Amino acid sequence: MKSNISKKEIESGREIIEKLSQLNFKLLPQQLKEIIPDYKKFLPHPNKYGLWPSKKTNNKKFKQKYDKILLLLSGITASGKDAIRQEMEKLAPNLFSKSISATSRPPREGEIQGKDYYFYESHQTFIQSIKNGEFIEYYKRGETYYGLPKKSLENSINHPSPVIFSQIEMSGWTKAKKHVFKINQNIFVLKIFVLPEMNFFDYQNWLIEKRNDSDLESRLHKTGWELKKAPKKSDFIITNRFEKDTDSLTKTAQTIINQLTDLLK
């Protein structure tokens, strides 16, 4: 069985990581475009904190108003997307309904079934659900499976909140969009990718500190693959600034909220 991104695709990110190791660019579109030309499509918004719209956001579909939005938010490992999501829910709790992911690991202290994750009783039951076609996306990290059940996304669609929030891997964006359109073609899908605003060496050292495990090389190659694919798949890039003793996180979260409310009726 394979997840939405194969080992071969992950390995294809090695070339990007090798180039970044030589050049130590900042992980910003204006520098990444030197090795990944598709980032030329993104320009910083002069009035929106950390937001880089792509040229396709000038299309008329971004000028219309919608009853419901599916927000697909992803980012490279340790980019701070979890913190951004939590801050958005804190700032606008009635705006979002969250699609809950599933895992084959047991709950950690304080985690609640159906709120933090859907906890499967064993790896075997999770694998059987994959075989039954119950997941939009899944992946394996170490010995643990993670994924987004189709039922979870369907429950979010039926929730009265106007924004369905799905923190799904970018490799699952296309499948999520197709599944949603089978249910409701009037939902607007907004795709945002998060980059940490730091140079590559700082990011690499931070990743070693935060995610120091046997999977580190694979994580870095996956980061390379994501950096290569993000400008092709994303509507917006968000740069997360990680500034200490400032309200940077709040500003970043508010920027995304403002973008959503601009699109809502």
Protein backbone atom coordinates (compact mmCIF):
# COMPACT_ATOMS: atom_id res chain seq x y z
CA MET A 1 0.00 0.00 0.00
CA LYS A 2 1.15 3.53 -0.71
CA SER A 3 0.21 6.89 0.76
CA ASN A 4 -0.54 9.88 -1.48
CA ILE A 5 3.17 10.60 -1.80
CA SER A 6 5.48 7.74 -2.75
CA LYS A 7 9.04 7.10 -1.59
CA LYS A 8 10.19 7.93 -5.12
CA GLU A 9 8.48 11.35 -4.95
CA ILE A 10 9.97 12.03 -1.52
CA GLU A 11 13.42 11.09 -2.83
CA SER A 12 12.93 13.58 -5.70
CA GLY A 13 13.19 16.37 -3.11
CA ARG A 14 16.85 15.51 -2.47
CA GLU A 15 18.00 17.77 -5.33
CA ILE A 16 16.23 20.83 -3.86
CA ILE A 17 17.72 20.15 -0.42
CA GLU A 18 21.21 19.81 -1.91
CA LYS A 19 20.85 23.17 -3.68
CA LEU A 20 19.58 24.83 -0.51
CA SER A 21 22.52 23.35 1.42
CA GLN A 22 24.89 25.03 -1.03
CA LEU A 23 23.14 28.40 -1.25
CA ASN A 24 21.49 28.72 2.18
CA PHE A 25 18.61 30.79 0.77
CA LYS A 26 15.87 32.18 2.93
CA LEU A 27 12.70 30.14 2.57
CA LEU A 28 10.89 32.99 0.83
CA PRO A 29 9.40 33.02 -2.69
CA GLN A 30 11.69 35.88 -3.76
CA GLN A 31 14.78 33.74 -3.05
CA LEU A 32 13.39 30.27 -3.77
CA LYS A 33 12.51 31.40 -7.31
CA GLU A 34 16.23 31.23 -8.12
CA ILE A 35 16.12 27.43 -7.89
CA ILE A 36 12.35 26.85 -8.32
CA PRO A 37 11.10 29.21 -11.07
CA ASP A 38 7.40 28.68 -10.24
CA TYR A 39 7.82 30.95 -7.20
CA LYS A 40 8.03 33.86 -9.64
CA LYS A 41 4.21 33.67 -9.72
CA PHE A 42 4.05 34.90 -6.10
CA LEU A 43 4.46 38.50 -4.97
CA PRO A 44 4.21 39.87 -1.42
CA HIS A 45 0.92 41.63 -0.68
CA PRO A 46 1.69 45.22 0.37
CA ASN A 47 -1.09 45.42 2.97
CA LYS A 48 -1.46 41.85 4.23
CA TYR A 49 1.01 40.55 6.80
CA GLY A 50 3.07 37.61 5.50
CA LEU A 51 0.79 36.95 2.51
CA TRP A 52 2.11 36.11 -0.96
CA PRO A 53 -0.74 35.76 -3.49
CA SER A 54 -0.15 33.88 -6.73
CA LYS A 55 -1.03 35.50 -10.04
CA LYS A 56 -4.02 33.19 -10.41
CA THR A 57 -5.74 34.97 -7.50
CA ASN A 58 -6.50 37.73 -10.01
CA ASN A 59 -9.01 35.36 -11.63
CA LYS A 60 -12.70 36.20 -11.29
CA LYS A 61 -13.36 33.23 -8.99
CA PHE A 62 -11.33 35.05 -6.32
CA LYS A 63 -13.51 38.14 -6.75
CA GLN A 64 -16.77 36.29 -6.06
CA LYS A 65 -18.47 35.61 -2.72
CA TYR A 66 -19.18 32.13 -1.38
CA ASP A 67 -21.43 30.54 1.24
CA LYS A 68 -18.83 27.97 2.24
CA ILE A 69 -15.05 27.57 1.89
CA LEU A 70 -12.84 24.53 2.27
CA LEU A 71 -9.51 25.82 3.61
CA LEU A 72 -6.64 23.46 2.82
CA LEU A 73 -3.70 24.57 4.96
CA SER A 74 -0.40 22.76 4.75
CA GLY A 75 3.29 23.58 5.12
CA ILE A 76 6.72 22.08 5.45
CA THR A 77 7.55 20.22 8.66
CA ALA A 78 7.87 22.52 11.68
CA SER A 79 6.61 25.56 9.75
CA GLY A 80 4.21 26.46 12.56
CA LYS A 81 0.96 25.54 10.81
CA ASP A 82 -0.45 23.97 14.00
CA ALA A 83 0.13 27.18 15.95
CA ILE A 84 -1.47 29.24 13.14
CA ARG A 85 -4.55 26.99 13.13
CA GLN A 86 -4.92 27.23 16.91
CA GLU A 87 -4.59 31.03 16.78
CA MET A 88 -7.21 31.30 14.02
CA GLU A 89 -9.66 29.20 16.03
CA LYS A 90 -8.96 31.38 19.07
CA LEU A 91 -9.54 34.63 17.12
CA ALA A 92 -12.63 33.44 15.21
CA PRO A 93 -14.09 30.34 16.93
CA ASN A 94 -17.42 30.49 15.09
CA LEU A 95 -15.84 30.74 11.66
CA PHE A 96 -14.40 27.22 11.48
CA SER A 97 -15.44 23.61 11.56
CA LYS A 98 -12.45 21.29 11.65
CA SER A 99 -12.17 17.98 9.87
CA ILE A 100 -10.65 15.58 12.40
CA SER A 101 -7.74 13.37 11.38
CA ALA A 102 -7.28 9.77 12.48
CA THR A 103 -4.31 7.89 13.90
CA SER A 104 -3.40 4.35 14.84
CA ARG A 105 -1.52 5.44 17.98
CA PRO A 106 -3.20 5.55 21.41
CA PRO A 107 -4.29 8.92 22.87
CA ARG A 108 -1.70 10.99 24.69
CA GLU A 109 -2.51 12.59 28.02
CA GLY A 110 -5.30 15.14 27.61
CA GLU A 111 -6.24 14.10 24.05
CA ILE A 112 -9.93 13.46 23.39
CA GLN A 113 -11.46 11.00 20.95
CA GLY A 114 -13.25 12.86 18.14
CA LYS A 115 -11.74 16.22 19.09
CA ASP A 116 -7.98 15.83 18.74
CA TYR A 117 -8.04 12.67 16.61
CA TYR A 118 -10.11 9.63 15.82
CA PHE A 119 -8.06 6.98 17.60
CA TYR A 120 -8.14 3.57 15.94
CA GLU A 121 -7.78 0.63 18.27
CA SER A 122 -4.89 -0.94 16.32
CA HIS A 123 -2.68 -0.63 13.25
CA GLN A 124 -4.63 -3.51 11.73
CA THR A 125 -8.01 -1.74 11.93
CA PHE A 126 -6.46 1.39 10.41
CA ILE A 127 -4.96 -0.64 7.55
CA GLN A 128 -8.30 -2.34 6.95
CA SER A 129 -10.00 1.06 6.72
CA ILE A 130 -7.41 2.09 4.10
CA LYS A 131 -8.19 -1.06 2.12
CA ASN A 132 -11.91 -0.24 2.39
CA GLY A 133 -11.28 3.16 0.75
CA GLU A 134 -12.34 5.14 3.82
CA PHE A 135 -9.47 7.67 3.70
CA ILE A 136 -8.85 10.72 1.52
CA GLU A 137 -5.18 10.73 2.50
CA TYR A 138 -2.98 8.67 4.79
CA TYR A 139 0.70 8.28 5.57
CA LYS A 140 2.93 6.31 7.90
CA ARG A 141 5.43 7.92 10.24
CA GLY A 142 7.58 5.38 12.01
CA GLU A 143 5.14 2.66 13.02
CA THR A 144 2.14 4.98 13.29
CA TYR A 145 -0.50 5.66 10.64
CA TYR A 146 -2.20 9.04 10.21
CA GLY A 147 -4.91 10.08 7.77
CA LEU A 148 -8.09 12.01 7.02
CA PRO A 149 -11.26 9.87 6.93
CA LYS A 150 -13.78 10.76 4.22
CA LYS A 151 -16.52 10.72 6.86
CA SER A 152 -14.74 13.40 8.87
CA LEU A 153 -14.68 15.78 5.90
CA GLU A 154 -18.33 15.03 5.16
CA ASN A 155 -19.28 15.88 8.76
CA SER A 156 -17.48 19.22 8.44
CA ILE A 157 -19.35 20.04 5.23
CA ASN A 158 -22.66 19.58 7.06
CA HIS A 159 -21.58 21.82 9.95
CA PRO A 160 -23.13 25.34 9.93
CA SER A 161 -19.75 27.13 10.18
CA PRO A 162 -18.84 28.79 6.86
CA VAL A 163 -15.21 27.58 6.73
CA ILE A 164 -14.24 23.92 6.71
CA PHE A 165 -10.71 23.73 8.04
CA SER A 166 -8.58 20.80 6.89
CA GLN A 167 -4.91 20.61 7.83
CA ILE A 168 -4.29 17.97 5.22
CA GLU A 169 -0.96 17.12 3.63
CA MET A 170 -0.50 18.89 0.29
CA SER A 171 -0.26 15.47 -1.37
CA GLY A 172 -3.94 14.97 -0.50
CA TRP A 173 -5.29 18.32 -1.73
CA THR A 174 -6.52 17.05 -5.09
CA LYS A 175 -8.33 14.08 -3.56
CA ALA A 176 -9.94 16.28 -0.89
CA LYS A 177 -11.17 18.75 -3.51
CA LYS A 178 -12.63 15.96 -5.68
CA HIS A 179 -14.39 14.37 -2.72
CA VAL A 180 -15.90 17.67 -1.60
CA PHE A 181 -17.17 18.46 -5.11
CA LYS A 182 -18.96 15.11 -5.22
CA ILE A 183 -21.02 16.33 -2.28
CA ASN A 184 -21.31 20.07 -2.96
CA GLN A 185 -19.92 21.80 -6.06
CA ASN A 186 -20.63 25.26 -4.62
CA ILE A 187 -17.86 25.05 -2.02
CA PHE A 188 -14.83 27.20 -2.79
CA VAL A 189 -11.48 25.50 -2.16
CA LEU A 190 -8.69 27.78 -0.91
CA LYS A 191 -5.15 26.33 -0.77
CA ILE A 192 -2.54 27.95 1.47
CA PHE A 193 1.02 26.76 2.08
CA VAL A 194 3.10 27.88 5.10
CA LEU A 195 6.83 28.62 4.95
CA PRO A 196 8.94 29.60 7.98
CA GLU A 197 10.75 32.89 7.34
CA MET A 198 14.29 31.71 8.02
CA ASN A 199 17.34 30.68 6.03
CA PHE A 200 17.82 27.01 5.21
CA PHE A 201 20.64 26.32 7.70
CA ASP A 202 18.59 27.76 10.56
CA TYR A 203 15.60 25.71 9.43
CA GLN A 204 17.69 22.54 9.21
CA ASN A 205 19.16 23.06 12.69
CA TRP A 206 15.72 23.83 14.07
CA LEU A 207 14.34 20.68 12.47
CA ILE A 208 17.11 18.63 14.06
CA GLU A 209 16.25 20.13 17.44
CA LYS A 210 12.46 19.78 17.08
CA ARG A 211 12.23 16.52 15.12
CA ASN A 212 15.43 14.68 15.97
CA ASP A 213 14.67 11.09 14.95
CA SER A 214 15.76 8.41 12.50
CA ASP A 215 13.38 9.87 9.92
CA LEU A 216 15.26 13.18 9.62
CA GLU A 217 16.72 12.60 6.16
CA SER A 218 13.34 11.50 4.82
CA ARG A 219 11.71 14.57 6.40
CA LEU A 220 14.21 16.85 4.67
CA HIS A 221 13.67 15.19 1.30
CA LYS A 222 9.91 15.49 1.77
CA THR A 223 10.46 19.19 2.52
CA GLY A 224 12.33 19.47 -0.79
CA TRP A 225 9.46 17.81 -2.63
CA GLU A 226 6.92 20.12 -0.96
CA LEU A 227 8.97 23.22 -1.75
CA LYS A 228 9.02 22.13 -5.39
CA LYS A 229 5.27 21.38 -5.58
CA ALA A 230 3.85 24.19 -3.40
CA PRO A 231 4.02 27.01 -6.00
CA LYS A 232 2.17 24.82 -8.52
CA LYS A 233 -0.61 23.82 -6.14
CA SER A 234 -1.08 26.82 -3.80
CA ASP A 235 -3.23 29.92 -4.15
CA PHE A 236 -1.31 31.74 -1.42
CA ILE A 237 1.98 31.36 0.44
CA ILE A 238 2.08 32.46 4.08
CA THR A 239 5.45 33.26 5.61
CA ASN A 240 5.51 32.55 9.33
CA ARG A 241 7.97 34.91 11.00
CA PHE A 242 8.47 33.35 14.46
CA GLU A 243 9.38 36.68 16.00
CA LYS A 244 9.78 36.47 19.77
CA ASP A 245 7.95 38.85 22.09
CA THR A 246 5.73 40.18 19.29
CA ASP A 247 2.21 39.54 18.04
CA SER A 248 3.53 37.98 14.82
CA LEU A 249 1.44 34.80 15.20
CA THR A 250 -1.74 36.79 15.76
CA LYS A 251 -1.05 38.96 12.72
CA THR A 252 -0.41 35.89 10.57
CA ALA A 253 -3.60 34.17 11.71
CA GLN A 254 -5.62 37.37 11.24
CA THR A 255 -4.28 37.74 7.70
CA ILE A 256 -5.73 34.34 6.76
CA ILE A 257 -9.01 35.12 8.52
CA ASN A 258 -9.29 38.40 6.60
CA GLN A 259 -8.63 36.59 3.34
CA LEU A 260 -11.41 34.12 4.14
CA THR A 261 -13.93 36.78 5.11
CA ASP A 262 -13.17 38.66 1.86
CA LEU A 263 -14.40 35.57 0.01
CA LEU A 264 -17.46 34.87 2.15
CA LYS A 265 -20.92 36.30 1.54
